[in-house]
C-alpha atoms as a PDB file:
ATOM      1  CA  MET A   1       9.270  33.856   9.408  1.00  0.00           C
ATOM      2  CA  PRO A   2       6.356  31.836   8.032  1.00  0.00           C
ATOM      3  CA  PRO A   3       3.983  30.311  10.589  1.00  0.00           C
ATOM      4  CA  ARG A   4       4.645  26.714  11.527  1.00  0.00           C
ATOM      5  CA  ALA A   5       2.397  24.075  10.070  1.00  0.00           C
ATOM      6  CA  LYS A   6      -0.052  22.532  12.492  1.00  0.00           C
ATOM      7  CA  PRO A   7       1.156  19.085  13.575  1.00  0.00           C
ATOM      8  CA  GLU A   8      -0.765  16.299  11.904  1.00  0.00           C
ATOM      9  CA  GLU A   9      -3.286  14.515  14.087  1.00  0.00           C
ATOM     10  CA  PRO A  10      -2.196  10.850  14.633  1.00  0.00           C
ATOM     11  CA  PHE A  11      -5.350   9.363  13.094  1.00  0.00           C
ATOM     12  CA  GLU A  12      -4.905  11.540   9.988  1.00  0.00           C
ATOM     13  CA  TYR A  13      -1.322  10.319   9.693  1.00  0.00           C
ATOM     14  CA  LEU A  14      -2.381   6.675  10.093  1.00  0.00           C
ATOM     15  CA  ASP A  15      -5.203   7.159   7.577  1.00  0.00           C
ATOM     16  CA  ARG A  16      -2.673   8.502   5.059  1.00  0.00           C
ATOM     17  CA  ILE A  17      -0.377   5.499   5.625  1.00  0.00           C
ATOM     18  CA  ILE A  18      -3.257   3.045   5.154  1.00  0.00           C
ATOM     19  CA  ARG A  19      -4.336   4.760   1.936  1.00  0.00           C
ATOM     20  CA  ARG A  20      -0.767   4.712   0.612  1.00  0.00           C
ATOM     21  CA  HIS A  21      -0.414   0.979   1.293  1.00  0.00           C
ATOM     22  CA  SER A  22      -3.844   0.160  -0.145  1.00  0.00           C
ATOM     23  CA  LYS A  23      -3.303   1.827  -3.532  1.00  0.00           C
ATOM     24  CA  GLY A  24      -4.017  -0.702  -6.254  1.00  0.00           C
ATOM     25  CA  SER A  25      -5.454  -3.285  -3.884  1.00  0.00           C
ATOM     26  CA  VAL A  26      -8.851  -4.853  -4.278  1.00  0.00           C
ATOM     27  CA  GLY A  27     -11.313  -3.304  -1.848  1.00  0.00           C
ATOM     28  CA  GLY A  28      -8.881  -0.705  -0.508  1.00  0.00           C
ATOM     29  CA  LEU A  29      -7.255  -3.112   1.936  1.00  0.00           C
ATOM     30  CA  ALA A  30      -3.781  -2.470   3.339  1.00  0.00           C
ATOM     31  CA  PHE A  31      -1.571  -5.179   4.875  1.00  0.00           C
ATOM     32  CA  ILE A  32      -1.239  -4.433   8.600  1.00  0.00           C
ATOM     33  CA  PRO A  33       2.463  -5.450   8.858  1.00  0.00           C
ATOM     34  CA  ASP A  34       3.292  -2.854   6.168  1.00  0.00           C
ATOM     35  CA  VAL A  35       1.225  -0.212   7.964  1.00  0.00           C
ATOM     36  CA  ALA A  36       2.882  -1.086  11.292  1.00  0.00           C
ATOM     37  CA  LYS A  37       6.380  -0.680   9.850  1.00  0.00           C
ATOM     38  CA  SER A  38       5.475   2.699   8.373  1.00  0.00           C
ATOM     39  CA  PHE A  39       3.687   4.079  11.444  1.00  0.00           C
ATOM     40  CA  GLY A  40       6.140   2.980  14.113  1.00  0.00           C
ATOM     41  CA  PRO A  41       5.493   2.639  17.871  1.00  0.00           C
ATOM     42  CA  GLY A  42       1.878   2.775  18.934  1.00  0.00           C
ATOM     43  CA  TRP A  43       0.507   1.356  15.672  1.00  0.00           C
ATOM     44  CA  GLU A  44      -1.523  -1.432  17.318  1.00  0.00           C
ATOM     45  CA  PHE A  45      -3.153   0.900  19.849  1.00  0.00           C
ATOM     46  CA  MET A  46      -4.005   3.402  17.104  1.00  0.00           C
ATOM     47  CA  LEU A  47      -5.504   0.746  14.820  1.00  0.00           C
ATOM     48  CA  ARG A  48      -7.587  -0.768  17.632  1.00  0.00           C
ATOM     49  CA  LYS A  49      -8.755   2.643  18.872  1.00  0.00           C
ATOM     50  CA  GLY A  50      -9.532   3.762  15.332  1.00  0.00           C
ATOM     51  CA  ALA A  51     -11.529   0.577  14.713  1.00  0.00           C
ATOM     52  CA  GLU A  52     -13.510   1.110  17.945  1.00  0.00           C
ATOM     53  CA  GLU A  53     -14.323   4.650  16.797  1.00  0.00           C
ATOM     54  CA  GLY A  54     -15.368   3.453  13.329  1.00  0.00           C
ATOM     55  CA  ARG A  55     -12.434   5.073  11.513  1.00  0.00           C
ATOM     56  CA  PHE A  56     -10.911   1.797  10.327  1.00  0.00           C
ATOM     57  CA  GLU A  57     -12.131  -1.692   9.523  1.00  0.00           C
ATOM     58  CA  LEU A  58      -9.882  -4.560  10.622  1.00  0.00           C
ATOM     59  CA  ARG A  59     -10.119  -7.796   8.631  1.00  0.00           C
ATOM     60  CA  PRO A  60      -8.797 -11.292   9.387  1.00  0.00           C
ATOM     61  CA  GLU A  61      -6.147 -13.187   7.477  1.00  0.00           C
ATOM     62  CA  SER A  62      -7.574 -15.528   4.863  1.00  0.00           C
ATOM     63  CA  GLY A  63      -6.365 -18.614   6.715  1.00  0.00           C
ATOM     64  CA  LEU A  64      -4.143 -19.878   3.909  1.00  0.00           C
ATOM     65  CA  SER A  65      -1.024 -19.814   6.118  1.00  0.00           C
ATOM     66  CA  ARG A  66       0.890 -17.419   3.856  1.00  0.00           C
ATOM     67  CA  LEU A  67       2.265 -15.199   6.619  1.00  0.00           C
ATOM     68  CA  SER A  68       5.893 -15.333   7.680  1.00  0.00           C
ATOM     69  CA  LYS A  69       6.657 -15.420  11.403  1.00  0.00           C
ATOM     70  CA  ASP A  70       7.707 -11.767  11.296  1.00  0.00           C
ATOM     71  CA  GLU A  71       4.433 -10.815   9.584  1.00  0.00           C
ATOM     72  CA  MET A  72       2.443 -12.827  12.142  1.00  0.00           C
ATOM     73  CA  ARG A  73       4.085 -10.857  14.967  1.00  0.00           C
ATOM     74  CA  LEU A  74       2.898  -7.621  13.330  1.00  0.00           C
ATOM     75  CA  CYS A  75      -0.727  -8.733  13.007  1.00  0.00           C
ATOM     76  CA  ILE A  76      -3.353  -7.983  15.632  1.00  0.00           C
ATOM     77  CA  PRO A  77      -4.753 -10.938  17.598  1.00  0.00           C
ATOM     78  CA  GLY A  78      -8.463 -11.250  16.920  1.00  0.00           C
ATOM     79  CA  PRO A  79     -11.274 -13.410  18.239  1.00  0.00           C
ATOM     80  CA  SER A  80     -10.943 -17.201  18.285  1.00  0.00           C
ATOM     81  CA  ARG A  81      -7.193 -17.159  17.553  1.00  0.00           C
ATOM     82  CA  THR A  82      -7.591 -15.319  14.271  1.00  0.00           C
ATOM     83  CA  LEU A  83      -5.037 -12.799  13.132  1.00  0.00           C
ATOM     84  CA  LEU A  84      -6.233  -9.438  11.882  1.00  0.00           C
ATOM     85  CA  SER A  85      -3.879  -8.720   9.011  1.00  0.00           C
ATOM     86  CA  TRP A  86      -5.819  -6.254   6.844  1.00  0.00           C
ATOM     87  CA  VAL A  87      -7.179  -2.761   7.412  1.00  0.00           C
ATOM     88  CA  ARG A  88      -9.136  -0.242   5.377  1.00  0.00           C
ATOM     89  CA  THR A  89     -10.200   3.287   6.106  1.00  0.00           C
ATOM     90  CA  ARG A  90     -13.866   4.138   6.398  1.00  0.00           C
ATOM     91  CA  ARG A  91     -13.595   7.709   5.125  1.00  0.00           C
END
């Protein structure tokens, strides 16, 4: 039997998801609600922890009120009532 593949580290998996969702975007930004849906449970903790460790950069929504209510629920609350709706990897 071939050896089993080493399980992927969660930050590597999240990094791959962010890169997939940022393909073709200006500045390599990925929309957090799309990333959240792809990653599943624990996405907010992983994004916050990754940002604290310098792995990811979280960016606020532009303020043009384009988000649906469902998208707003999948954004990360930021300072001064902002919503963090964009992320990019720092690798």
